[in-house]
Amino acid sequence: MSTAAGIIVLIGRILFSINFGPVAGVGFHIRMTKMAEGYAKSMNFPIPAIAGWPTGVWLTVASLSISLGIWPDVGALMVAAFVIPAAWWFHRFWEVGDPMQKQTTQILFFRNLTFLGAAIGLFGLFVAVGDGLRFAITGPLFSF
């Protein structure tokens, strides 16, 4: 991978990670733990206690993994593992009656699908590039 391509991929890694570490991880799940747990409980999430700080730590680790390049493939899988249940449990737009709330929930559902696609794509990129990933502390954990 050339230096220019490595810089472009690094910028993409950082921009992708911002939402999961500083915004969602720290900004909501850690700083507003009780609110996150209460929302999870109101949505009948089976284990609402993990919606607070444990999820915040998970997302922060995933974000740092991707942006710093410490087993970034694992970080991408961690994001994917988060957005699947987040979309299913918290953004069930098909169950919402109010049209405005339904539209907002639908946007959030498809945003999570977009994040899932990006996380899977990043996972594939990291595994394909292997140790050739520039500006990374380690290479990917997986190789196939």
N, C-alpha and C. Protein backbone atom coordinates (compact mmCIF):
# COMPACT_ATOMS: atom_id res chain seq x y z
N MET A 1 0.86 -1.17 0.00
CA MET A 1 0.00 0.00 0.00
C MET A 1 0.90 1.23 0.00
N SER A 2 0.63 2.15 -0.90
CA SER A 2 1.43 3.37 -0.97
C SER A 2 1.16 4.26 0.24
N THR A 3 2.04 5.22 0.46
CA THR A 3 1.85 6.16 1.56
C THR A 3 0.57 6.96 1.38
N ALA A 4 0.31 7.41 0.15
CA ALA A 4 -0.91 8.20 -0.11
C ALA A 4 -2.16 7.37 0.17
N ALA A 5 -2.17 6.14 -0.29
CA ALA A 5 -3.33 5.27 -0.03
C ALA A 5 -3.45 4.99 1.46
N GLY A 6 -2.33 4.81 2.14
CA GLY A 6 -2.34 4.58 3.58
C GLY A 6 -2.92 5.76 4.34
N ILE A 7 -2.61 6.97 3.90
CA ILE A 7 -3.16 8.18 4.54
C ILE A 7 -4.67 8.25 4.33
N ILE A 8 -5.11 7.95 3.11
CA ILE A 8 -6.55 7.97 2.82
C ILE A 8 -7.28 6.94 3.68
N VAL A 9 -6.73 5.73 3.77
CA VAL A 9 -7.36 4.69 4.59
C VAL A 9 -7.34 5.10 6.06
N LEU A 10 -6.26 5.71 6.52
CA LEU A 10 -6.18 6.17 7.91
C LEU A 10 -7.26 7.21 8.20
N ILE A 11 -7.44 8.17 7.31
CA ILE A 11 -8.49 9.18 7.49
C ILE A 11 -9.86 8.49 7.56
N GLY A 12 -10.10 7.54 6.68
CA GLY A 12 -11.36 6.79 6.71
C GLY A 12 -11.54 6.02 8.01
N ARG A 13 -10.47 5.40 8.50
CA ARG A 13 -10.55 4.67 9.77
C ARG A 13 -10.92 5.60 10.91
N ILE A 14 -10.28 6.76 10.95
CA ILE A 14 -10.54 7.72 12.03
C ILE A 14 -11.97 8.25 11.94
N LEU A 15 -12.39 8.65 10.74
CA LEU A 15 -13.75 9.19 10.59
C LEU A 15 -14.80 8.16 10.95
N PHE A 16 -14.59 6.92 10.54
CA PHE A 16 -15.53 5.85 10.88
C PHE A 16 -15.58 5.63 12.39
N SER A 17 -14.43 5.70 13.03
CA SER A 17 -14.34 5.41 14.46
C SER A 17 -14.92 6.49 15.36
N ILE A 18 -14.98 7.72 14.89
CA ILE A 18 -15.46 8.83 15.72
C ILE A 18 -16.85 8.54 16.29
N ASN A 19 -17.73 8.02 15.48
CA ASN A 19 -19.10 7.75 15.95
C ASN A 19 -19.13 6.73 17.08
N PHE A 20 -18.27 5.75 17.04
CA PHE A 20 -18.36 4.65 17.99
C PHE A 20 -17.59 4.89 19.28
N GLY A 21 -16.49 5.61 19.24
CA GLY A 21 -15.73 5.87 20.46
C GLY A 21 -16.20 7.12 21.18
N PRO A 22 -15.80 8.30 20.68
CA PRO A 22 -16.14 9.54 21.39
C PRO A 22 -17.63 9.85 21.45
N VAL A 23 -18.37 9.57 20.40
CA VAL A 23 -19.78 9.96 20.35
C VAL A 23 -20.66 8.95 21.09
N ALA A 24 -20.76 7.73 20.58
CA ALA A 24 -21.66 6.74 21.18
C ALA A 24 -21.05 6.08 22.42
N GLY A 25 -19.80 5.67 22.32
CA GLY A 25 -19.18 4.95 23.43
C GLY A 25 -19.05 5.78 24.68
N VAL A 26 -18.28 6.86 24.60
CA VAL A 26 -18.06 7.71 25.77
C VAL A 26 -19.22 8.68 25.96
N GLY A 27 -19.62 9.35 24.88
CA GLY A 27 -20.63 10.40 24.97
C GLY A 27 -21.99 9.95 25.45
N PHE A 28 -22.38 8.74 25.12
CA PHE A 28 -23.70 8.27 25.55
C PHE A 28 -23.60 7.10 26.53
N HIS A 29 -23.04 5.99 26.11
CA HIS A 29 -23.10 4.77 26.91
C HIS A 29 -22.33 4.87 28.22
N ILE A 30 -21.24 5.61 28.26
CA ILE A 30 -20.47 5.75 29.50
C ILE A 30 -20.97 6.94 30.31
N ARG A 31 -21.07 8.11 29.69
CA ARG A 31 -21.46 9.31 30.43
C ARG A 31 -22.93 9.31 30.83
N MET A 32 -23.76 8.60 30.10
CA MET A 32 -25.20 8.56 30.40
C MET A 32 -25.65 7.12 30.61
N THR A 33 -24.91 6.40 31.43
CA THR A 33 -25.15 4.98 31.66
C THR A 33 -26.59 4.68 32.07
N LYS A 34 -27.09 5.39 33.05
CA LYS A 34 -28.45 5.11 33.55
C LYS A 34 -29.49 5.36 32.46
N MET A 35 -29.29 6.39 31.65
CA MET A 35 -30.23 6.67 30.56
C MET A 35 -30.19 5.54 29.53
N ALA A 36 -28.98 5.08 29.19
CA ALA A 36 -28.83 3.98 28.23
C ALA A 36 -29.49 2.71 28.76
N GLU A 37 -29.28 2.42 30.03
CA GLU A 37 -29.88 1.23 30.63
C GLU A 37 -31.40 1.35 30.69
N GLY A 38 -31.89 2.54 31.04
CA GLY A 38 -33.34 2.76 31.08
C GLY A 38 -33.98 2.61 29.72
N TYR A 39 -33.32 3.14 28.69
CA TYR A 39 -33.85 3.01 27.34
C TYR A 39 -33.87 1.54 26.92
N ALA A 40 -32.79 0.82 27.23
CA ALA A 40 -32.73 -0.60 26.88
C ALA A 40 -33.84 -1.37 27.58
N LYS A 41 -34.09 -1.03 28.83
CA LYS A 41 -35.17 -1.69 29.58
C LYS A 41 -36.53 -1.38 28.96
N SER A 42 -36.73 -0.13 28.56
CA SER A 42 -38.01 0.26 27.95
C SER A 42 -38.24 -0.42 26.61
N MET A 43 -37.16 -0.82 25.95
CA MET A 43 -37.26 -1.50 24.66
C MET A 43 -37.26 -3.03 24.82
N ASN A 44 -37.35 -3.49 26.06
CA ASN A 44 -37.37 -4.92 26.38
C ASN A 44 -36.10 -5.65 25.95
N PHE A 45 -34.98 -4.94 26.00
CA PHE A 45 -33.69 -5.58 25.72
C PHE A 45 -33.44 -6.61 26.82
N PRO A 46 -33.02 -7.83 26.48
CA PRO A 46 -32.94 -8.90 27.48
C PRO A 46 -31.96 -8.65 28.63
N ILE A 47 -30.89 -7.90 28.39
CA ILE A 47 -29.91 -7.63 29.44
C ILE A 47 -29.63 -6.12 29.44
N PRO A 48 -30.54 -5.31 29.97
CA PRO A 48 -30.38 -3.86 29.89
C PRO A 48 -29.14 -3.33 30.61
N ALA A 49 -28.62 -4.06 31.58
CA ALA A 49 -27.44 -3.59 32.32
C ALA A 49 -26.21 -3.46 31.42
N ILE A 50 -26.14 -4.21 30.33
CA ILE A 50 -24.97 -4.09 29.45
C ILE A 50 -25.08 -2.92 28.48
N ALA A 51 -26.23 -2.26 28.45
CA ALA A 51 -26.42 -1.14 27.51
C ALA A 51 -25.70 0.12 27.95
N GLY A 52 -25.29 0.19 29.21
CA GLY A 52 -24.61 1.38 29.73
C GLY A 52 -23.11 1.32 29.50
N TRP A 53 -22.37 1.39 30.59
CA TRP A 53 -20.92 1.47 30.47
C TRP A 53 -20.27 0.25 29.81
N PRO A 54 -20.78 -1.00 29.98
CA PRO A 54 -20.11 -2.10 29.26
C PRO A 54 -20.13 -1.91 27.74
N THR A 55 -21.25 -1.43 27.22
CA THR A 55 -21.32 -1.17 25.77
C THR A 55 -20.41 0.00 25.41
N GLY A 56 -20.34 1.00 26.28
CA GLY A 56 -19.45 2.13 26.04
C GLY A 56 -18.00 1.71 25.96
N VAL A 57 -17.59 0.83 26.84
CA VAL A 57 -16.22 0.31 26.81
C VAL A 57 -16.00 -0.50 25.53
N TRP A 58 -16.96 -1.35 25.19
CA TRP A 58 -16.89 -2.17 23.96
C TRP A 58 -16.68 -1.27 22.74
N LEU A 59 -17.50 -0.22 22.63
CA LEU A 59 -17.42 0.67 21.47
C LEU A 59 -16.13 1.48 21.46
N THR A 60 -15.67 1.89 22.63
CA THR A 60 -14.42 2.65 22.71
C THR A 60 -13.24 1.79 22.31
N VAL A 61 -13.22 0.55 22.77
CA VAL A 61 -12.15 -0.38 22.38
C VAL A 61 -12.19 -0.63 20.87
N ALA A 62 -13.38 -0.85 20.33
CA ALA A 62 -13.52 -1.06 18.88
C ALA A 62 -13.02 0.15 18.11
N SER A 63 -13.40 1.33 18.56
CA SER A 63 -12.99 2.58 17.91
C SER A 63 -11.47 2.75 17.93
N LEU A 64 -10.87 2.53 19.08
CA LEU A 64 -9.41 2.65 19.19
C LEU A 64 -8.70 1.59 18.36
N SER A 65 -9.25 0.39 18.33
CA SER A 65 -8.67 -0.69 17.54
C SER A 65 -8.60 -0.31 16.06
N ILE A 66 -9.69 0.23 15.55
CA ILE A 66 -9.75 0.60 14.13
C ILE A 66 -8.87 1.82 13.84
N SER A 67 -9.02 2.87 14.63
CA SER A 67 -8.31 4.12 14.32
C SER A 67 -6.81 4.00 14.55
N LEU A 68 -6.39 3.31 15.61
CA LEU A 68 -4.96 3.16 15.88
C LEU A 68 -4.33 2.01 15.10
N GLY A 69 -5.16 1.10 14.62
CA GLY A 69 -4.64 -0.04 13.89
C GLY A 69 -4.07 -1.11 14.81
N ILE A 70 -4.77 -1.38 15.90
CA ILE A 70 -4.39 -2.47 16.80
C ILE A 70 -5.40 -3.59 16.56
N TRP A 71 -5.00 -4.59 15.78
CA TRP A 71 -5.92 -5.62 15.32
C TRP A 71 -7.21 -4.96 14.80
N PRO A 72 -7.08 -4.12 13.80
CA PRO A 72 -8.25 -3.37 13.33
C PRO A 72 -9.37 -4.25 12.79
N ASP A 73 -9.02 -5.45 12.33
CA ASP A 73 -10.07 -6.36 11.86
C ASP A 73 -10.97 -6.79 13.01
N VAL A 74 -10.40 -6.98 14.19
CA VAL A 74 -11.20 -7.33 15.37
C VAL A 74 -12.10 -6.15 15.75
N GLY A 75 -11.56 -4.94 15.68
CA GLY A 75 -12.37 -3.75 15.96
C GLY A 75 -13.55 -3.63 15.02
N ALA A 76 -13.32 -3.93 13.74
CA ALA A 76 -14.42 -3.87 12.77
C ALA A 76 -15.48 -4.91 13.09
N LEU A 77 -15.07 -6.10 13.50
CA LEU A 77 -16.04 -7.13 13.90
C LEU A 77 -16.79 -6.73 15.16
N MET A 78 -16.11 -6.02 16.06
CA MET A 78 -16.77 -5.54 17.29
C MET A 78 -17.87 -4.54 16.95
N VAL A 79 -17.60 -3.66 15.99
CA VAL A 79 -18.63 -2.71 15.56
C VAL A 79 -19.81 -3.47 14.95
N ALA A 80 -19.51 -4.44 14.09
CA ALA A 80 -20.58 -5.24 13.47
C ALA A 80 -21.41 -5.95 14.54
N ALA A 81 -20.73 -6.50 15.54
CA ALA A 81 -21.44 -7.20 16.61
C ALA A 81 -22.32 -6.26 17.43
N PHE A 82 -22.00 -4.98 17.44
CA PHE A 82 -22.83 -4.00 18.15
C PHE A 82 -24.03 -3.56 17.31
N VAL A 83 -23.81 -3.24 16.04
CA VAL A 83 -24.89 -2.63 15.26
C VAL A 83 -26.00 -3.60 14.89
N ILE A 84 -25.71 -4.89 14.85
CA ILE A 84 -26.78 -5.86 14.53
C ILE A 84 -27.86 -5.86 15.61
N PRO A 85 -27.51 -6.11 16.88
CA PRO A 85 -28.59 -6.05 17.89
C PRO A 85 -29.12 -4.63 18.10
N ALA A 86 -28.28 -3.61 17.90
CA ALA A 86 -28.77 -2.24 18.06
C ALA A 86 -29.87 -1.94 17.05
N ALA A 87 -29.68 -2.36 15.82
CA ALA A 87 -30.71 -2.14 14.79
C ALA A 87 -31.97 -2.93 15.13
N TRP A 88 -31.80 -4.18 15.50
CA TRP A 88 -32.95 -5.05 15.74
C TRP A 88 -33.74 -4.65 16.98
N TRP A 89 -33.07 -4.39 18.08
CA TRP A 89 -33.78 -4.12 19.33
C TRP A 89 -34.25 -2.68 19.49
N PHE A 90 -33.48 -1.73 18.98
CA PHE A 90 -33.76 -0.33 19.30
C PHE A 90 -34.32 0.48 18.16
N HIS A 91 -34.34 -0.06 16.97
CA HIS A 91 -34.81 0.71 15.81
C HIS A 91 -35.83 -0.08 15.00
N ARG A 92 -36.80 -0.66 15.66
CA ARG A 92 -37.85 -1.46 15.01
C ARG A 92 -38.92 -0.53 14.44
N PHE A 93 -38.59 0.09 13.35
CA PHE A 93 -39.50 1.09 12.77
C PHE A 93 -40.84 0.49 12.36
N TRP A 94 -40.87 -0.79 12.04
CA TRP A 94 -42.09 -1.45 11.60
C TRP A 94 -43.11 -1.59 12.74
N GLU A 95 -42.68 -1.35 13.98
CA GLU A 95 -43.59 -1.43 15.12
C GLU A 95 -44.06 -0.06 15.61
N VAL A 96 -43.56 1.00 14.99
CA VAL A 96 -43.87 2.36 15.46
C VAL A 96 -45.11 2.89 14.75
N GLY A 97 -46.05 3.43 15.53
CA GLY A 97 -47.31 3.93 14.96
C GLY A 97 -47.23 5.37 14.48
N ASP A 98 -46.61 6.24 15.25
CA ASP A 98 -46.52 7.66 14.90
C ASP A 98 -45.65 7.84 13.66
N PRO A 99 -46.16 8.50 12.60
CA PRO A 99 -45.40 8.62 11.34
C PRO A 99 -44.04 9.33 11.49
N MET A 100 -43.98 10.37 12.30
CA MET A 100 -42.71 11.09 12.47
C MET A 100 -41.69 10.23 13.22
N GLN A 101 -42.15 9.59 14.29
CA GLN A 101 -41.27 8.72 15.06
C GLN A 101 -40.85 7.51 14.23
N LYS A 102 -41.77 7.00 13.41
CA LYS A 102 -41.45 5.87 12.54
C LYS A 102 -40.36 6.25 11.54
N GLN A 103 -40.47 7.44 10.96
CA GLN A 103 -39.46 7.88 10.00
C GLN A 103 -38.09 8.02 10.65
N THR A 104 -38.04 8.61 11.84
CA THR A 104 -36.78 8.75 12.55
C THR A 104 -36.19 7.39 12.89
N THR A 105 -37.02 6.49 13.37
CA THR A 105 -36.56 5.15 13.73
C THR A 105 -36.08 4.39 12.49
N GLN A 106 -36.76 4.57 11.37
CA GLN A 106 -36.35 3.91 10.13
C GLN A 106 -35.00 4.43 9.67
N ILE A 107 -34.78 5.73 9.78
CA ILE A 107 -33.48 6.30 9.41
C ILE A 107 -32.38 5.70 10.28
N LEU A 108 -32.63 5.59 11.58
CA LEU A 108 -31.63 5.02 12.48
C LEU A 108 -31.38 3.54 12.19
N PHE A 109 -32.43 2.81 11.84
CA PHE A 109 -32.28 1.40 11.48
C PHE A 109 -31.36 1.26 10.26
N PHE A 110 -31.64 2.03 9.21
CA PHE A 110 -30.83 1.92 8.00
C PHE A 110 -29.44 2.52 8.17
N ARG A 111 -29.29 3.48 9.09
CA ARG A 111 -27.95 3.98 9.43
C ARG A 111 -27.13 2.83 10.01
N ASN A 112 -27.75 2.04 10.89
CA ASN A 112 -27.03 0.92 11.47
C ASN A 112 -26.68 -0.13 10.42
N LEU A 113 -27.58 -0.35 9.45
CA LEU A 113 -27.23 -1.27 8.36
C LEU A 113 -26.05 -0.74 7.55
N THR A 114 -26.01 0.57 7.36
CA THR A 114 -24.88 1.20 6.66
C THR A 114 -23.60 0.99 7.45
N PHE A 115 -23.66 1.20 8.78
CA PHE A 115 -22.49 0.95 9.62
C PHE A 115 -22.07 -0.52 9.55
N LEU A 116 -23.04 -1.42 9.49
CA LEU A 116 -22.73 -2.85 9.38
C LEU A 116 -21.98 -3.12 8.08
N GLY A 117 -22.49 -2.57 6.98
CA GLY A 117 -21.81 -2.75 5.70
C GLY A 117 -20.40 -2.18 5.71
N ALA A 118 -20.23 -1.01 6.29
CA ALA A 118 -18.90 -0.41 6.37
C ALA A 118 -17.97 -1.24 7.25
N ALA A 119 -18.48 -1.75 8.36
CA ALA A 119 -17.65 -2.56 9.26
C ALA A 119 -17.22 -3.85 8.57
N ILE A 120 -18.14 -4.49 7.85
CA ILE A 120 -17.79 -5.71 7.12
C ILE A 120 -16.78 -5.39 6.02
N GLY A 121 -16.99 -4.28 5.32
CA GLY A 121 -16.04 -3.87 4.29
C GLY A 121 -14.65 -3.58 4.85
N LEU A 122 -14.60 -2.89 6.00
CA LEU A 122 -13.31 -2.63 6.64
C LEU A 122 -12.65 -3.93 7.08
N PHE A 123 -13.44 -4.83 7.64
CA PHE A 123 -12.89 -6.13 8.03
C PHE A 123 -12.23 -6.80 6.82
N GLY A 124 -12.95 -6.84 5.70
CA GLY A 124 -12.40 -7.45 4.49
C GLY A 124 -11.15 -6.75 4.01
N LEU A 125 -11.13 -5.42 4.06
CA LEU A 125 -9.95 -4.66 3.66
C LEU A 125 -8.76 -4.99 4.55
N PHE A 126 -8.98 -4.98 5.87
CA PHE A 126 -7.88 -5.24 6.80
C PHE A 126 -7.31 -6.63 6.61
N VAL A 127 -8.18 -7.62 6.42
CA VAL A 127 -7.71 -8.99 6.22
C VAL A 127 -6.99 -9.12 4.88
N ALA A 128 -7.53 -8.48 3.84
CA ALA A 128 -6.92 -8.57 2.50
C ALA A 128 -5.55 -7.90 2.45
N VAL A 129 -5.44 -6.74 3.09
CA VAL A 129 -4.18 -5.99 3.06
C VAL A 129 -3.16 -6.61 4.00
N GLY A 130 -3.63 -7.20 5.08
CA GLY A 130 -2.73 -7.86 6.03
C GLY A 130 -1.75 -6.89 6.65
N ASP A 131 -0.51 -7.32 6.73
CA ASP A 131 0.53 -6.49 7.34
C ASP A 131 0.90 -5.29 6.47
N GLY A 132 0.32 -5.19 5.29
CA GLY A 132 0.57 -4.04 4.43
C GLY A 132 -0.22 -2.80 4.82
N LEU A 133 -1.09 -2.92 5.82
CA LEU A 133 -1.87 -1.76 6.28
C LEU A 133 -0.92 -0.73 6.85
N ARG A 134 -0.98 0.47 6.29
CA ARG A 134 -0.07 1.55 6.72
C ARG A 134 -0.63 2.26 7.94
N PHE A 135 0.27 2.87 8.70
CA PHE A 135 -0.08 3.69 9.86
C PHE A 135 -0.92 2.90 10.86
N ALA A 136 -0.48 1.69 11.13
CA ALA A 136 -1.15 0.81 12.08
C ALA A 136 -0.11 0.28 13.06
N ILE A 137 -0.53 0.08 14.30
CA ILE A 137 0.39 -0.43 15.32
C ILE A 137 0.65 -1.92 15.11
N THR A 138 -0.41 -2.67 14.80
CA THR A 138 -0.25 -4.10 14.48
C THR A 138 -0.95 -4.37 13.16
N GLY A 139 -0.74 -5.54 12.65
CA GLY A 139 -1.52 -5.97 11.51
C GLY A 139 -2.82 -6.59 11.99
N PRO A 140 -3.62 -7.10 11.08
CA PRO A 140 -4.86 -7.76 11.49
C PRO A 140 -4.57 -9.08 12.22
N LEU A 141 -5.52 -9.50 13.03
CA LEU A 141 -5.40 -10.78 13.72
C LEU A 141 -5.67 -11.93 12.76
N PHE A 142 -6.67 -11.75 11.89
CA PHE A 142 -7.08 -12.81 10.97
C PHE A 142 -6.34 -12.70 9.65
N SER A 143 -6.12 -13.84 9.04
CA SER A 143 -5.47 -13.88 7.74
C SER A 143 -6.05 -15.06 6.95
N PHE A 144 -6.74 -14.74 5.86
CA PHE A 144 -7.25 -15.81 4.98
C PHE A 144 -7.46 -15.28 3.60
